[in-house]
Amino acid sequence: MNRLIHETSPYLLQHAHNPVDWFAWGNEALQKAQTEDKPIIVSIGYSACHW
């Protein structure tokens, strides 16, 4: 489980059990990347229903 478990977005919650420590987009993610001198990897996706 990662920090997305605390989000309200259904899309983000789908990824709360991924083996990646995802952050929602925001200051916390940006500050951590800057502090650790690491790149930011952005996942852009969507949920869809075939109906």
N, C-alpha and C. Protein backbone atom coordinates (compact mmCIF):
# COMPACT_ATOMS: atom_id res chain seq x y z
N MET A 1 0.85 -1.17 0.00
CA MET A 1 0.00 0.00 0.00
C MET A 1 0.90 1.24 0.00
N ASN A 2 0.45 2.28 -0.69
CA ASN A 2 1.23 3.51 -0.74
C ASN A 2 0.37 4.69 -0.29
N ARG A 3 0.91 5.87 -0.38
CA ARG A 3 0.22 7.06 0.15
C ARG A 3 -1.06 7.41 -0.59
N LEU A 4 -1.32 6.82 -1.76
CA LEU A 4 -2.56 7.12 -2.49
C LEU A 4 -3.79 6.58 -1.77
N ILE A 5 -3.60 5.71 -0.79
CA ILE A 5 -4.73 5.17 -0.04
C ILE A 5 -5.50 6.28 0.68
N HIS A 6 -4.88 7.43 0.87
CA HIS A 6 -5.52 8.55 1.56
C HIS A 6 -6.22 9.52 0.61
N GLU A 7 -6.20 9.24 -0.68
CA GLU A 7 -6.82 10.12 -1.67
C GLU A 7 -8.31 9.82 -1.80
N THR A 8 -9.06 10.75 -2.37
CA THR A 8 -10.49 10.55 -2.58
C THR A 8 -10.82 10.23 -4.03
N SER A 9 -9.89 10.45 -4.92
CA SER A 9 -10.11 10.18 -6.34
C SER A 9 -10.20 8.68 -6.60
N PRO A 10 -11.28 8.21 -7.22
CA PRO A 10 -11.37 6.78 -7.55
C PRO A 10 -10.21 6.30 -8.42
N TYR A 11 -9.75 7.14 -9.33
CA TYR A 11 -8.62 6.75 -10.18
C TYR A 11 -7.35 6.54 -9.35
N LEU A 12 -7.05 7.48 -8.46
CA LEU A 12 -5.86 7.34 -7.63
C LEU A 12 -5.97 6.15 -6.68
N LEU A 13 -7.15 5.91 -6.15
CA LEU A 13 -7.35 4.79 -5.25
C LEU A 13 -7.11 3.45 -5.94
N GLN A 14 -7.33 3.37 -7.24
CA GLN A 14 -7.06 2.14 -7.98
C GLN A 14 -5.58 1.78 -7.92
N HIS A 15 -4.73 2.74 -7.66
CA HIS A 15 -3.29 2.53 -7.67
C HIS A 15 -2.68 2.54 -6.26
N ALA A 16 -3.53 2.51 -5.26
CA ALA A 16 -3.05 2.58 -3.87
C ALA A 16 -2.30 1.33 -3.44
N HIS A 17 -2.47 0.23 -4.16
CA HIS A 17 -1.79 -1.01 -3.80
C HIS A 17 -0.68 -1.37 -4.78
N ASN A 18 -0.31 -0.43 -5.63
CA ASN A 18 0.82 -0.63 -6.54
C ASN A 18 2.11 -0.68 -5.73
N PRO A 19 3.12 -1.40 -6.21
CA PRO A 19 4.40 -1.45 -5.50
C PRO A 19 5.28 -0.23 -5.77
N VAL A 20 4.66 0.90 -6.04
CA VAL A 20 5.35 2.17 -6.28
C VAL A 20 4.85 3.15 -5.24
N ASP A 21 5.73 3.92 -4.65
CA ASP A 21 5.32 4.90 -3.65
C ASP A 21 4.86 6.17 -4.35
N TRP A 22 3.70 6.08 -5.03
CA TRP A 22 3.17 7.21 -5.77
C TRP A 22 2.77 8.34 -4.84
N PHE A 23 2.91 9.55 -5.33
CA PHE A 23 2.40 10.75 -4.66
C PHE A 23 1.33 11.34 -5.56
N ALA A 24 0.30 11.92 -4.98
CA ALA A 24 -0.60 12.75 -5.78
C ALA A 24 0.18 14.01 -6.15
N TRP A 25 -0.19 14.64 -7.26
CA TRP A 25 0.53 15.84 -7.70
C TRP A 25 0.34 16.94 -6.67
N GLY A 26 1.44 17.55 -6.24
CA GLY A 26 1.34 18.64 -5.28
C GLY A 26 2.69 19.00 -4.70
N ASN A 27 2.68 19.90 -3.74
CA ASN A 27 3.91 20.41 -3.14
C ASN A 27 4.74 19.32 -2.47
N GLU A 28 4.10 18.35 -1.83
CA GLU A 28 4.85 17.30 -1.15
C GLU A 28 5.72 16.53 -2.14
N ALA A 29 5.16 16.17 -3.27
CA ALA A 29 5.92 15.44 -4.30
C ALA A 29 7.06 16.30 -4.84
N LEU A 30 6.76 17.55 -5.13
CA LEU A 30 7.78 18.44 -5.68
C LEU A 30 8.92 18.69 -4.70
N GLN A 31 8.59 18.89 -3.44
CA GLN A 31 9.62 19.14 -2.43
C GLN A 31 10.49 17.91 -2.21
N LYS A 32 9.88 16.73 -2.18
CA LYS A 32 10.66 15.51 -1.99
C LYS A 32 11.62 15.28 -3.15
N ALA A 33 11.14 15.48 -4.37
CA ALA A 33 12.00 15.32 -5.54
C ALA A 33 13.17 16.30 -5.50
N GLN A 34 12.89 17.53 -5.12
CA GLN A 34 13.95 18.54 -5.06
C GLN A 34 14.95 18.22 -3.95
N THR A 35 14.45 17.85 -2.79
CA THR A 35 15.33 17.53 -1.66
C THR A 35 16.24 16.34 -1.97
N GLU A 36 15.67 15.32 -2.64
CA GLU A 36 16.44 14.11 -2.94
C GLU A 36 17.12 14.17 -4.30
N ASP A 37 16.97 15.30 -5.00
CA ASP A 37 17.56 15.49 -6.32
C ASP A 37 17.19 14.34 -7.26
N LYS A 38 15.89 14.05 -7.32
CA LYS A 38 15.38 12.96 -8.15
C LYS A 38 14.39 13.51 -9.16
N PRO A 39 14.27 12.84 -10.30
CA PRO A 39 13.29 13.28 -11.30
C PRO A 39 11.87 12.96 -10.84
N ILE A 40 10.93 13.62 -11.45
CA ILE A 40 9.51 13.35 -11.20
C ILE A 40 8.99 12.53 -12.37
N ILE A 41 8.40 11.39 -12.06
CA ILE A 41 7.78 10.55 -13.08
C ILE A 41 6.28 10.75 -12.95
N VAL A 42 5.66 11.15 -14.04
CA VAL A 42 4.23 11.47 -14.03
C VAL A 42 3.47 10.36 -14.74
N SER A 43 2.46 9.86 -14.09
CA SER A 43 1.57 8.87 -14.69
C SER A 43 0.26 9.58 -15.02
N ILE A 44 -0.07 9.61 -16.29
CA ILE A 44 -1.31 10.24 -16.73
C ILE A 44 -2.21 9.15 -17.28
N GLY A 45 -3.38 9.02 -16.71
CA GLY A 45 -4.26 7.95 -17.15
C GLY A 45 -5.71 8.33 -16.96
N TYR A 46 -6.56 7.37 -17.20
CA TYR A 46 -7.99 7.60 -17.02
C TYR A 46 -8.68 6.28 -16.76
N SER A 47 -9.85 6.34 -16.21
CA SER A 47 -10.69 5.16 -16.03
C SER A 47 -11.82 5.26 -17.02
N ALA A 48 -12.16 4.16 -17.62
CA ALA A 48 -13.25 4.16 -18.59
C ALA A 48 -14.08 2.90 -18.44
N CYS A 49 -15.29 3.01 -18.85
CA CYS A 49 -16.20 1.87 -18.85
C CYS A 49 -16.54 1.55 -20.30
N HIS A 50 -16.60 0.29 -20.64
CA HIS A 50 -16.88 -0.09 -22.02
C HIS A 50 -18.36 0.02 -22.38
N TRP A 51 -19.22 0.37 -21.44
CA TRP A 51 -20.66 0.48 -21.74
C TRP A 51 -20.97 1.80 -22.38
